[in-house]
């Protein structure tokens, strides 16, 4: 019977899913597809914005960090925060800026 070798990296699957969600969100924002972009927001983040006027920087994904059901994505122009829900990864915060030792401030949602 042939041997089966399973190789996995710690968090690699989650990193890929987070990256794909962030890329889909930034592409939707860049193309003006606010319906799709808003569909990728958490319910709480949608409460903070009128989808028709969603305007956040976007950019190309540069780095992904995942901690359990939370993630931070650095793009070339923005910082996004994502949460893993039953429906998959969703953007909880967008248009976020570091405040040094204080929590990030976000145009939409938050960390």
C-alpha atoms as a PDB file:
ATOM      1  CA  UNK A   1       0.000   0.000   0.000  1.00  0.00           C
ATOM      2  CA  UNK A   2       1.531   3.373  -0.993  1.00  0.00           C
ATOM      3  CA  UNK A   3       2.397   5.810   1.766  1.00  0.00           C
ATOM      4  CA  UNK A   4       0.679   9.174   1.827  1.00  0.00           C
ATOM      5  CA  UNK A   5       2.604  12.177   3.048  1.00  0.00           C
ATOM      6  CA  UNK A   6       0.597  15.174   4.170  1.00  0.00           C
ATOM      7  CA  UNK A   7       2.487  18.415   4.499  1.00  0.00           C
ATOM      8  CA  UNK A   8       0.922  21.562   5.879  1.00  0.00           C
ATOM      9  CA  UNK A   9       2.131  24.934   6.986  1.00  0.00           C
ATOM     10  CA  UNK A  10       0.859  26.598  10.113  1.00  0.00           C
ATOM     11  CA  UNK A  11      -1.867  29.043   9.130  1.00  0.00           C
ATOM     12  CA  UNK A  12      -1.161  28.783   5.402  1.00  0.00           C
ATOM     13  CA  UNK A  13      -4.767  27.922   4.503  1.00  0.00           C
ATOM     14  CA  UNK A  14      -6.145  30.792   6.565  1.00  0.00           C
ATOM     15  CA  UNK A  15      -3.524  33.176   5.189  1.00  0.00           C
ATOM     16  CA  UNK A  16      -4.590  32.307   1.636  1.00  0.00           C
ATOM     17  CA  UNK A  17      -8.302  32.739   2.410  1.00  0.00           C
ATOM     18  CA  UNK A  18      -7.669  36.079   4.123  1.00  0.00           C
ATOM     19  CA  UNK A  19      -5.506  37.241   1.202  1.00  0.00           C
ATOM     20  CA  UNK A  20      -8.206  36.256  -1.317  1.00  0.00           C
ATOM     21  CA  UNK A  21     -10.922  38.066   0.646  1.00  0.00           C
ATOM     22  CA  UNK A  22      -8.776  41.201   0.946  1.00  0.00           C
ATOM     23  CA  UNK A  23      -7.932  41.099  -2.771  1.00  0.00           C
ATOM     24  CA  UNK A  24     -11.587  40.632  -3.674  1.00  0.00           C
ATOM     25  CA  UNK A  25     -12.571  43.547  -1.423  1.00  0.00           C
ATOM     26  CA  UNK A  26      -9.912  45.929  -2.756  1.00  0.00           C
ATOM     27  CA  UNK A  27     -10.726  44.963  -6.362  1.00  0.00           C
ATOM     28  CA  UNK A  28     -14.436  45.606  -5.753  1.00  0.00           C
ATOM     29  CA  UNK A  29     -13.675  49.013  -4.231  1.00  0.00           C
ATOM     30  CA  UNK A  30     -11.288  49.920  -7.081  1.00  0.00           C
ATOM     31  CA  UNK A  31     -13.840  48.959  -9.741  1.00  0.00           C
ATOM     32  CA  UNK A  32     -16.686  50.788  -8.011  1.00  0.00           C
ATOM     33  CA  UNK A  33     -18.594  47.568  -7.265  1.00  0.00           C
ATOM     34  CA  UNK A  34     -19.898  48.826  -3.920  1.00  0.00           C
ATOM     35  CA  UNK A  35     -22.507  46.069  -3.705  1.00  0.00           C
ATOM     36  CA  UNK A  36     -19.789  43.404  -3.813  1.00  0.00           C
ATOM     37  CA  UNK A  37     -17.499  45.367  -1.480  1.00  0.00           C
ATOM     38  CA  UNK A  38     -20.293  45.838   1.070  1.00  0.00           C
ATOM     39  CA  UNK A  39     -21.122  42.145   0.829  1.00  0.00           C
ATOM     40  CA  UNK A  40     -17.584  41.435   2.048  1.00  0.00           C
ATOM     41  CA  UNK A  41     -17.977  43.635   5.145  1.00  0.00           C
ATOM     42  CA  UNK A  42     -19.022  42.301   8.536  1.00  0.00           C
ATOM     43  CA  UNK A  43     -22.496  43.336   9.646  1.00  0.00           C
ATOM     44  CA  UNK A  44     -20.983  45.669  12.239  1.00  0.00           C
ATOM     45  CA  UNK A  45     -18.767  47.370   9.634  1.00  0.00           C
ATOM     46  CA  UNK A  46     -21.773  47.837   7.305  1.00  0.00           C
ATOM     47  CA  UNK A  47     -23.516  49.727  10.116  1.00  0.00           C
ATOM     48  CA  UNK A  48     -20.749  52.365   9.939  1.00  0.00           C
ATOM     49  CA  UNK A  49     -21.063  53.202   6.248  1.00  0.00           C
ATOM     50  CA  UNK A  50     -23.540  53.827   3.473  1.00  0.00           C
ATOM     51  CA  UNK A  51     -22.509  51.314   0.838  1.00  0.00           C
ATOM     52  CA  UNK A  52     -23.206  53.716  -2.020  1.00  0.00           C
ATOM     53  CA  UNK A  53     -20.533  56.071  -0.665  1.00  0.00           C
ATOM     54  CA  UNK A  54     -17.925  53.452   0.292  1.00  0.00           C
ATOM     55  CA  UNK A  55     -14.550  55.017  -0.458  1.00  0.00           C
ATOM     56  CA  UNK A  56     -11.454  53.467   1.108  1.00  0.00           C
ATOM     57  CA  UNK A  57      -7.885  53.346  -0.256  1.00  0.00           C
ATOM     58  CA  UNK A  58      -7.562  49.676  -1.300  1.00  0.00           C
ATOM     59  CA  UNK A  59      -4.224  48.829  -2.907  1.00  0.00           C
ATOM     60  CA  UNK A  60      -2.230  45.662  -3.514  1.00  0.00           C
ATOM     61  CA  UNK A  61      -1.968  43.114  -0.682  1.00  0.00           C
ATOM     62  CA  UNK A  62       1.557  43.227   0.778  1.00  0.00           C
ATOM     63  CA  UNK A  63       1.328  41.287   4.080  1.00  0.00           C
ATOM     64  CA  UNK A  64      -1.159  39.059   5.903  1.00  0.00           C
ATOM     65  CA  UNK A  65      -1.142  38.184   9.610  1.00  0.00           C
ATOM     66  CA  UNK A  66      -3.717  35.773  11.057  1.00  0.00           C
ATOM     67  CA  UNK A  67      -4.469  35.140  14.727  1.00  0.00           C
ATOM     68  CA  UNK A  68      -7.237  32.569  15.108  1.00  0.00           C
ATOM     69  CA  UNK A  69     -10.415  34.203  13.792  1.00  0.00           C
ATOM     70  CA  UNK A  70      -8.851  37.659  13.353  1.00  0.00           C
ATOM     71  CA  UNK A  71      -6.485  38.974  10.696  1.00  0.00           C
ATOM     72  CA  UNK A  72      -4.688  42.134   9.649  1.00  0.00           C
ATOM     73  CA  UNK A  73      -3.836  42.834   6.019  1.00  0.00           C
ATOM     74  CA  UNK A  74      -1.405  45.529   4.916  1.00  0.00           C
ATOM     75  CA  UNK A  75      -1.939  46.728   1.366  1.00  0.00           C
ATOM     76  CA  UNK A  76       0.115  49.244  -0.562  1.00  0.00           C
ATOM     77  CA  UNK A  77      -2.380  51.960   0.450  1.00  0.00           C
ATOM     78  CA  UNK A  78      -4.371  50.690   3.434  1.00  0.00           C
ATOM     79  CA  UNK A  79      -4.648  48.445   6.465  1.00  0.00           C
ATOM     80  CA  UNK A  80      -7.622  46.075   6.671  1.00  0.00           C
ATOM     81  CA  UNK A  81      -8.882  44.034   9.609  1.00  0.00           C
ATOM     82  CA  UNK A  82     -10.779  40.817   8.908  1.00  0.00           C
ATOM     83  CA  UNK A  83     -12.815  38.401  11.017  1.00  0.00           C
ATOM     84  CA  UNK A  84     -13.675  34.799  10.287  1.00  0.00           C
ATOM     85  CA  UNK A  85     -17.428  34.234  10.431  1.00  0.00           C
ATOM     86  CA  UNK A  86     -19.579  31.205   9.623  1.00  0.00           C
ATOM     87  CA  UNK A  87     -19.909  32.667   6.100  1.00  0.00           C
ATOM     88  CA  UNK A  88     -16.118  32.985   5.692  1.00  0.00           C
ATOM     89  CA  UNK A  89     -13.624  35.806   6.139  1.00  0.00           C
ATOM     90  CA  UNK A  90     -15.148  39.301   6.106  1.00  0.00           C
ATOM     91  CA  UNK A  91     -13.658  42.794   6.336  1.00  0.00           C
ATOM     92  CA  UNK A  92     -14.258  44.257   9.796  1.00  0.00           C
ATOM     93  CA  UNK A  93     -12.215  47.421   9.290  1.00  0.00           C
ATOM     94  CA  UNK A  94     -10.995  49.335   6.238  1.00  0.00           C
ATOM     95  CA  UNK A  95      -9.257  52.631   5.676  1.00  0.00           C
ATOM     96  CA  UNK A  96      -7.357  52.066   8.937  1.00  0.00           C
ATOM     97  CA  UNK A  97      -4.389  54.070  10.198  1.00  0.00           C
ATOM     98  CA  UNK A  98      -1.987  53.285  13.012  1.00  0.00           C
ATOM     99  CA  UNK A  99      -2.126  55.589  16.022  1.00  0.00           C
ATOM    100  CA  UNK A 100       1.148  54.404  17.521  1.00  0.00           C
ATOM    101  CA  UNK A 101       0.476  52.808  20.910  1.00  0.00           C
ATOM    102  CA  UNK A 102      -3.257  53.498  20.596  1.00  0.00           C
ATOM    103  CA  UNK A 103      -5.754  51.383  18.601  1.00  0.00           C
ATOM    104  CA  UNK A 104      -6.026  51.913  14.850  1.00  0.00           C
ATOM    105  CA  UNK A 105      -8.653  54.358  13.615  1.00  0.00           C
ATOM    106  CA  UNK A 106     -10.670  53.179  10.617  1.00  0.00           C
ATOM    107  CA  UNK A 107     -12.911  54.935   8.112  1.00  0.00           C
ATOM    108  CA  UNK A 108     -15.142  51.838   8.069  1.00  0.00           C
ATOM    109  CA  UNK A 109     -15.580  49.547  11.071  1.00  0.00           C
ATOM    110  CA  UNK A 110     -12.492  48.870  13.118  1.00  0.00           C
ATOM    111  CA  UNK A 111     -10.075  46.328  14.496  1.00  0.00           C
END
